[in-house]
């Protein structure tokens, strides 16, 4: 029997630029042209000042581990426990929920404020997920 697949995000017109970016190996964020606020998740207006004058830009893909929980229950299809559900503080300011890869999923390995970098996992031709791993060097 095949292993259940991970749930797939459904791109919308407001988020398509983000998914196009991940497919191209880029983490894309939005910046308000009126107040310079950088934000995530994607939306057609600035959450700080409500301006609709926003730009999309390529983020550095660097951040730090802000918070996490280690899930040990085998309830989510496509995940093998234990796995970390993390909040990453991006270098540009916003926080993003993701998973941490390429390191043990233990409290000893997952240190708060540890440096992280984005990596990408292709699920299919349409969806590539941004994940994070410990920064190299």
N, C-alpha and C. Protein backbone atom coordinates (compact mmCIF):
# COMPACT_ATOMS: atom_id res chain seq x y z
N UNK A 1 0.83 -1.17 0.00
CA UNK A 1 0.00 0.00 0.00
C UNK A 1 0.89 1.25 0.00
N UNK A 2 0.57 2.21 -0.86
CA UNK A 2 1.35 3.43 -0.97
C UNK A 2 1.17 4.30 0.27
N UNK A 3 2.26 4.99 0.65
CA UNK A 3 2.20 5.89 1.79
C UNK A 3 1.32 7.08 1.44
N UNK A 4 0.48 7.56 2.36
CA UNK A 4 -0.37 8.70 2.07
C UNK A 4 0.46 9.93 1.73
N UNK A 5 -0.06 10.74 0.82
CA UNK A 5 0.66 11.94 0.40
C UNK A 5 0.36 13.11 1.32
N UNK A 6 1.36 13.98 1.40
CA UNK A 6 1.23 15.20 2.18
C UNK A 6 0.17 16.10 1.52
N UNK A 7 -0.58 16.83 2.31
CA UNK A 7 -1.59 17.75 1.77
C UNK A 7 -0.91 18.80 0.89
N UNK A 8 -1.54 19.11 -0.24
CA UNK A 8 -0.99 20.08 -1.18
C UNK A 8 -1.64 21.44 -0.99
N UNK A 9 -0.83 22.51 -0.90
CA UNK A 9 -1.41 23.85 -0.88
C UNK A 9 -2.12 24.12 -2.22
N UNK A 10 -3.10 24.98 -2.20
CA UNK A 10 -3.82 25.36 -3.41
C UNK A 10 -3.53 26.82 -3.72
N UNK A 11 -2.67 27.08 -4.72
CA UNK A 11 -2.37 28.47 -5.07
C UNK A 11 -3.63 29.24 -5.48
N UNK A 12 -3.65 30.51 -5.13
CA UNK A 12 -4.72 31.43 -5.52
C UNK A 12 -4.08 32.56 -6.32
N UNK A 13 -4.87 33.41 -6.96
CA UNK A 13 -4.25 34.54 -7.66
C UNK A 13 -3.37 35.40 -6.75
N UNK A 14 -3.75 35.51 -5.48
CA UNK A 14 -2.96 36.32 -4.54
C UNK A 14 -1.65 35.65 -4.11
N UNK A 15 -1.58 34.32 -4.19
CA UNK A 15 -0.38 33.61 -3.74
C UNK A 15 0.44 33.01 -4.89
N UNK A 16 -0.04 33.13 -6.12
CA UNK A 16 0.64 32.48 -7.25
C UNK A 16 2.10 32.90 -7.37
N UNK A 17 2.41 34.19 -7.15
CA UNK A 17 3.82 34.63 -7.25
C UNK A 17 4.71 33.87 -6.26
N UNK A 18 4.18 33.58 -5.07
CA UNK A 18 4.95 32.85 -4.07
C UNK A 18 5.26 31.44 -4.56
N UNK A 19 4.25 30.74 -5.10
CA UNK A 19 4.44 29.36 -5.57
C UNK A 19 5.29 29.32 -6.84
N UNK A 20 5.18 30.33 -7.69
CA UNK A 20 6.07 30.42 -8.87
C UNK A 20 7.52 30.56 -8.39
N UNK A 21 7.71 31.33 -7.34
CA UNK A 21 9.05 31.53 -6.78
C UNK A 21 9.62 30.25 -6.19
N UNK A 22 8.84 29.53 -5.40
CA UNK A 22 9.37 28.31 -4.81
C UNK A 22 9.72 27.29 -5.89
N UNK A 23 8.89 27.24 -6.94
CA UNK A 23 9.18 26.33 -8.05
C UNK A 23 10.50 26.71 -8.73
N UNK A 24 10.85 28.00 -8.73
CA UNK A 24 12.10 28.49 -9.31
C UNK A 24 13.25 28.47 -8.31
N UNK A 25 13.01 27.97 -7.09
CA UNK A 25 14.06 27.93 -6.08
C UNK A 25 14.28 29.26 -5.39
N UNK A 26 13.23 30.08 -5.33
CA UNK A 26 13.31 31.39 -4.68
C UNK A 26 12.22 31.51 -3.61
N UNK A 27 12.57 32.15 -2.52
CA UNK A 27 11.58 32.49 -1.50
C UNK A 27 11.19 33.94 -1.76
N UNK A 28 9.95 34.17 -2.15
CA UNK A 28 9.49 35.51 -2.49
C UNK A 28 8.57 36.07 -1.41
N UNK A 29 8.85 37.32 -1.05
CA UNK A 29 8.04 38.04 -0.08
C UNK A 29 7.46 39.28 -0.74
N UNK A 30 6.63 40.00 -0.01
CA UNK A 30 6.06 41.24 -0.51
C UNK A 30 6.49 42.39 0.40
N UNK A 31 6.66 43.56 -0.24
CA UNK A 31 7.03 44.79 0.47
C UNK A 31 6.05 45.87 0.05
N UNK A 32 5.57 46.62 1.01
CA UNK A 32 4.67 47.72 0.73
C UNK A 32 5.47 48.88 0.15
N UNK A 33 5.01 49.41 -0.98
CA UNK A 33 5.69 50.55 -1.60
C UNK A 33 5.40 51.85 -0.86
N UNK A 34 4.34 51.87 -0.04
CA UNK A 34 3.98 53.08 0.70
C UNK A 34 4.71 53.21 2.04
N UNK A 35 4.80 52.10 2.80
CA UNK A 35 5.40 52.20 4.14
C UNK A 35 6.62 51.30 4.33
N UNK A 36 6.99 50.52 3.32
CA UNK A 36 8.18 49.64 3.32
C UNK A 36 8.04 48.42 4.22
N UNK A 37 6.85 48.14 4.72
CA UNK A 37 6.63 46.95 5.56
C UNK A 37 6.78 45.69 4.71
N UNK A 38 7.56 44.72 5.19
CA UNK A 38 7.72 43.42 4.53
C UNK A 38 6.82 42.44 5.25
N UNK A 39 6.07 41.63 4.47
CA UNK A 39 5.12 40.75 5.12
C UNK A 39 4.98 39.39 4.44
N UNK A 40 4.44 38.46 5.21
CA UNK A 40 4.08 37.12 4.80
C UNK A 40 2.96 36.70 5.75
N UNK A 41 1.94 36.00 5.31
CA UNK A 41 1.71 35.39 4.02
C UNK A 41 1.28 36.41 2.96
N UNK A 42 1.34 35.97 1.68
CA UNK A 42 1.00 36.87 0.57
C UNK A 42 -0.45 37.35 0.64
N UNK A 43 -0.64 38.61 0.27
CA UNK A 43 -1.98 39.20 0.15
C UNK A 43 -1.86 40.45 -0.72
N UNK A 44 -2.95 40.91 -1.29
CA UNK A 44 -2.87 42.02 -2.25
C UNK A 44 -2.78 43.40 -1.62
N UNK A 45 -2.71 43.49 -0.30
CA UNK A 45 -2.63 44.79 0.38
C UNK A 45 -1.69 44.68 1.56
N UNK A 46 -1.16 45.79 1.99
CA UNK A 46 -0.25 45.83 3.14
C UNK A 46 -1.03 45.66 4.44
N UNK A 47 -0.65 44.70 5.30
CA UNK A 47 -1.35 44.54 6.58
C UNK A 47 -1.04 45.65 7.57
N UNK A 48 -0.03 46.47 7.27
CA UNK A 48 0.34 47.54 8.18
C UNK A 48 -0.42 48.84 7.88
N UNK A 49 -0.51 49.22 6.58
CA UNK A 49 -1.14 50.50 6.25
C UNK A 49 -2.30 50.37 5.26
N UNK A 50 -2.58 49.15 4.79
CA UNK A 50 -3.69 48.84 3.87
C UNK A 50 -3.47 49.33 2.44
N UNK A 51 -2.28 49.79 2.12
CA UNK A 51 -1.99 50.21 0.74
C UNK A 51 -2.03 49.00 -0.19
N UNK A 52 -2.51 49.21 -1.39
CA UNK A 52 -2.50 48.15 -2.40
C UNK A 52 -1.28 48.26 -3.30
N UNK A 53 -0.40 49.20 -3.02
CA UNK A 53 0.84 49.36 -3.79
C UNK A 53 1.91 48.50 -3.13
N UNK A 54 2.01 47.26 -3.60
CA UNK A 54 2.97 46.32 -3.03
C UNK A 54 3.83 45.72 -4.13
N UNK A 55 5.04 45.33 -3.77
CA UNK A 55 5.98 44.72 -4.70
C UNK A 55 6.40 43.36 -4.18
N UNK A 56 6.73 42.48 -5.10
CA UNK A 56 7.25 41.15 -4.77
C UNK A 56 8.76 41.20 -4.96
N UNK A 57 9.50 40.59 -4.03
CA UNK A 57 10.96 40.54 -4.17
C UNK A 57 11.49 39.20 -3.67
N UNK A 58 12.68 38.87 -4.13
CA UNK A 58 13.34 37.63 -3.72
C UNK A 58 13.99 37.84 -2.36
N UNK A 59 13.60 37.03 -1.39
CA UNK A 59 14.18 37.10 -0.05
C UNK A 59 15.53 36.39 -0.02
N UNK A 60 16.28 36.63 1.04
CA UNK A 60 17.60 35.98 1.17
C UNK A 60 17.47 34.49 1.43
N UNK A 61 16.35 34.07 2.02
CA UNK A 61 16.19 32.67 2.39
C UNK A 61 16.87 32.33 3.71
N UNK A 62 17.34 33.35 4.42
CA UNK A 62 17.99 33.15 5.72
C UNK A 62 17.05 33.54 6.84
N UNK A 63 17.20 32.86 7.97
CA UNK A 63 16.38 33.16 9.12
C UNK A 63 16.91 32.47 10.36
N UNK A 64 16.13 32.55 11.41
CA UNK A 64 16.49 31.88 12.66
C UNK A 64 15.27 31.12 13.18
N UNK A 65 15.54 30.11 13.99
CA UNK A 65 14.47 29.32 14.57
C UNK A 65 13.85 30.11 15.72
N UNK A 66 12.61 30.54 15.55
CA UNK A 66 11.91 31.35 16.54
C UNK A 66 11.21 30.46 17.58
N UNK A 67 10.56 29.41 17.10
CA UNK A 67 9.82 28.50 17.98
C UNK A 67 9.58 27.20 17.24
N UNK A 68 9.26 26.14 17.98
CA UNK A 68 8.95 24.87 17.33
C UNK A 68 8.25 23.95 18.31
N UNK A 69 7.65 22.93 17.74
CA UNK A 69 7.11 21.82 18.51
C UNK A 69 7.49 20.56 17.75
N UNK A 70 7.79 19.51 18.45
CA UNK A 70 8.13 18.24 17.81
C UNK A 70 6.91 17.33 17.92
N UNK A 71 6.37 16.97 16.78
CA UNK A 71 5.20 16.09 16.75
C UNK A 71 5.66 14.64 16.76
N UNK A 72 5.09 13.85 17.66
CA UNK A 72 5.44 12.43 17.77
C UNK A 72 4.28 11.52 17.35
N UNK A 73 3.14 12.10 17.05
CA UNK A 73 1.96 11.31 16.71
C UNK A 73 1.89 11.07 15.21
N UNK A 74 1.56 9.87 14.79
CA UNK A 74 1.51 9.55 13.36
C UNK A 74 0.17 9.91 12.71
N UNK A 75 -0.34 11.10 12.98
CA UNK A 75 -1.69 11.45 12.52
C UNK A 75 -1.71 12.15 11.16
N UNK A 76 -0.64 12.83 10.77
CA UNK A 76 -0.66 13.63 9.54
C UNK A 76 -0.13 12.82 8.36
N UNK A 77 -0.95 12.65 7.32
CA UNK A 77 -0.48 11.91 6.14
C UNK A 77 0.74 12.58 5.51
N UNK A 78 1.71 11.77 5.11
CA UNK A 78 2.90 12.28 4.46
C UNK A 78 4.02 12.68 5.40
N UNK A 79 3.83 12.53 6.69
CA UNK A 79 4.85 12.87 7.68
C UNK A 79 5.18 11.63 8.50
N UNK A 80 6.46 11.44 8.77
CA UNK A 80 6.90 10.35 9.62
C UNK A 80 7.42 10.94 10.93
N UNK A 81 6.77 10.65 12.04
CA UNK A 81 7.22 11.21 13.31
C UNK A 81 8.57 10.64 13.75
N UNK A 82 9.30 11.35 14.55
CA UNK A 82 9.03 12.72 14.98
C UNK A 82 9.43 13.73 13.89
N UNK A 83 8.73 14.86 13.84
CA UNK A 83 9.09 15.93 12.92
C UNK A 83 8.77 17.27 13.58
N UNK A 84 9.58 18.26 13.23
CA UNK A 84 9.43 19.59 13.82
C UNK A 84 8.49 20.44 12.99
N UNK A 85 7.57 21.09 13.68
CA UNK A 85 6.73 22.13 13.09
C UNK A 85 7.30 23.42 13.66
N UNK A 86 7.84 24.26 12.78
CA UNK A 86 8.64 25.39 13.25
C UNK A 86 8.10 26.72 12.78
N UNK A 87 8.40 27.75 13.56
CA UNK A 87 8.19 29.13 13.16
C UNK A 87 9.59 29.70 12.93
N UNK A 88 9.83 30.16 11.70
CA UNK A 88 11.13 30.70 11.32
C UNK A 88 11.01 32.22 11.21
N UNK A 89 11.89 32.94 11.88
CA UNK A 89 11.95 34.39 11.77
C UNK A 89 12.86 34.69 10.59
N UNK A 90 12.28 35.19 9.51
CA UNK A 90 13.07 35.48 8.32
C UNK A 90 13.93 36.73 8.53
N UNK A 91 15.06 36.78 7.83
CA UNK A 91 15.99 37.90 7.95
C UNK A 91 15.30 39.23 7.64
N UNK A 92 14.32 39.19 6.74
CA UNK A 92 13.62 40.41 6.32
C UNK A 92 12.55 40.86 7.31
N UNK A 93 12.24 40.04 8.33
CA UNK A 93 11.29 40.44 9.35
C UNK A 93 10.11 39.52 9.58
N UNK A 94 9.41 39.08 8.53
CA UNK A 94 8.24 38.22 8.77
C UNK A 94 8.62 36.87 9.37
N UNK A 95 7.62 36.22 9.96
CA UNK A 95 7.78 34.86 10.45
C UNK A 95 6.99 33.93 9.55
N UNK A 96 7.51 32.72 9.38
CA UNK A 96 6.91 31.75 8.47
C UNK A 96 6.88 30.39 9.14
N UNK A 97 5.77 29.71 9.05
CA UNK A 97 5.67 28.35 9.57
C UNK A 97 6.19 27.38 8.52
N UNK A 98 6.99 26.41 8.94
CA UNK A 98 7.61 25.47 8.01
C UNK A 98 8.05 24.24 8.79
N UNK A 99 8.84 23.42 8.13
CA UNK A 99 9.46 22.25 8.77
C UNK A 99 10.97 22.42 8.70
N UNK A 100 11.67 21.78 9.63
CA UNK A 100 13.13 21.79 9.66
C UNK A 100 13.61 20.43 9.16
N UNK A 101 14.57 20.45 8.25
CA UNK A 101 15.11 19.22 7.68
C UNK A 101 16.62 19.16 7.90
N UNK A 102 17.19 18.05 7.54
CA UNK A 102 18.65 17.84 7.57
C UNK A 102 19.27 17.97 8.96
N UNK A 103 18.48 17.67 9.99
CA UNK A 103 19.05 17.61 11.33
C UNK A 103 18.13 16.75 12.19
N UNK A 104 18.65 16.19 13.28
CA UNK A 104 17.80 15.39 14.16
C UNK A 104 16.63 16.22 14.68
N UNK A 105 15.51 15.60 14.80
CA UNK A 105 14.30 16.27 15.28
C UNK A 105 14.20 16.10 16.79
N UNK A 106 15.18 16.69 17.47
CA UNK A 106 15.27 16.60 18.93
C UNK A 106 15.50 18.00 19.52
N UNK A 107 15.14 18.20 20.78
CA UNK A 107 15.41 19.50 21.42
C UNK A 107 16.90 19.83 21.47
N UNK A 108 17.74 18.80 21.54
CA UNK A 108 19.19 19.06 21.58
C UNK A 108 19.69 19.63 20.25
N UNK A 109 19.11 19.22 19.14
CA UNK A 109 19.55 19.68 17.82
C UNK A 109 18.85 20.96 17.39
N UNK A 110 17.61 21.14 17.82
CA UNK A 110 16.81 22.30 17.41
C UNK A 110 16.92 23.39 18.47
N UNK A 111 17.93 24.21 18.34
CA UNK A 111 18.17 25.27 19.32
C UNK A 111 17.50 26.56 18.85
N UNK A 112 16.76 27.19 19.77
CA UNK A 112 16.14 28.46 19.42
C UNK A 112 17.21 29.46 18.99
N UNK A 113 16.89 30.28 18.02
CA UNK A 113 17.77 31.29 17.43
C UNK A 113 18.87 30.69 16.55
N UNK A 114 18.84 29.38 16.31
CA UNK A 114 19.86 28.81 15.41
C UNK A 114 19.65 29.35 14.00
N UNK A 115 20.75 29.54 13.29
CA UNK A 115 20.70 30.06 11.92
C UNK A 115 20.15 28.98 10.98
N UNK A 116 19.22 29.40 10.12
CA UNK A 116 18.60 28.50 9.16
C UNK A 116 18.69 29.08 7.76
N UNK A 117 18.56 28.20 6.77
CA UNK A 117 18.48 28.63 5.38
C UNK A 117 17.40 27.83 4.69
N UNK A 118 16.80 28.44 3.69
CA UNK A 118 15.71 27.78 2.99
C UNK A 118 16.24 26.69 2.07
N UNK A 119 15.46 25.66 1.92
CA UNK A 119 15.70 24.60 0.96
C UNK A 119 14.31 24.27 0.40
N UNK A 120 14.26 23.59 -0.72
CA UNK A 120 12.98 23.38 -1.37
C UNK A 120 12.71 21.90 -1.63
N UNK A 121 11.46 21.50 -1.42
CA UNK A 121 11.04 20.12 -1.67
C UNK A 121 9.94 20.13 -2.72
N UNK A 122 10.24 19.55 -3.88
CA UNK A 122 9.27 19.50 -4.97
C UNK A 122 8.28 18.37 -4.70
N UNK A 123 7.00 18.72 -4.59
CA UNK A 123 5.96 17.72 -4.38
C UNK A 123 5.42 17.20 -5.70
N UNK A 124 5.26 18.11 -6.66
CA UNK A 124 4.79 17.76 -7.99
C UNK A 124 5.15 18.91 -8.93
N UNK A 125 4.63 18.92 -10.15
CA UNK A 125 4.98 19.96 -11.12
C UNK A 125 4.48 21.35 -10.73
N UNK A 126 3.46 21.41 -9.89
CA UNK A 126 2.87 22.68 -9.50
C UNK A 126 3.37 23.22 -8.16
N UNK A 127 3.67 22.32 -7.23
CA UNK A 127 3.97 22.74 -5.85
C UNK A 127 5.37 22.31 -5.41
N UNK A 128 6.13 23.30 -4.98
CA UNK A 128 7.42 23.09 -4.34
C UNK A 128 7.34 23.82 -3.00
N UNK A 129 7.62 23.10 -1.92
CA UNK A 129 7.50 23.67 -0.58
C UNK A 129 8.82 24.26 -0.09
N UNK A 130 8.77 25.41 0.57
CA UNK A 130 9.96 25.94 1.23
C UNK A 130 10.10 25.29 2.61
N UNK A 131 11.22 24.65 2.83
CA UNK A 131 11.56 24.07 4.14
C UNK A 131 12.83 24.77 4.61
N UNK A 132 13.23 24.52 5.83
CA UNK A 132 14.45 25.14 6.34
C UNK A 132 15.36 24.08 6.93
N UNK A 133 16.68 24.36 6.84
CA UNK A 133 17.69 23.48 7.39
C UNK A 133 18.73 24.35 8.11
N UNK A 134 19.53 23.73 8.98
CA UNK A 134 20.59 24.52 9.63
C UNK A 134 21.51 25.13 8.58
N UNK A 135 21.87 26.39 8.79
CA UNK A 135 22.73 27.10 7.83
C UNK A 135 24.11 26.47 7.83
N UNK A 136 24.68 26.40 6.65
CA UNK A 136 26.03 25.84 6.52
C UNK A 136 27.04 26.96 6.61
N UNK A 137 28.10 26.71 7.39
CA UNK A 137 29.19 27.67 7.49
C UNK A 137 28.83 28.82 8.24
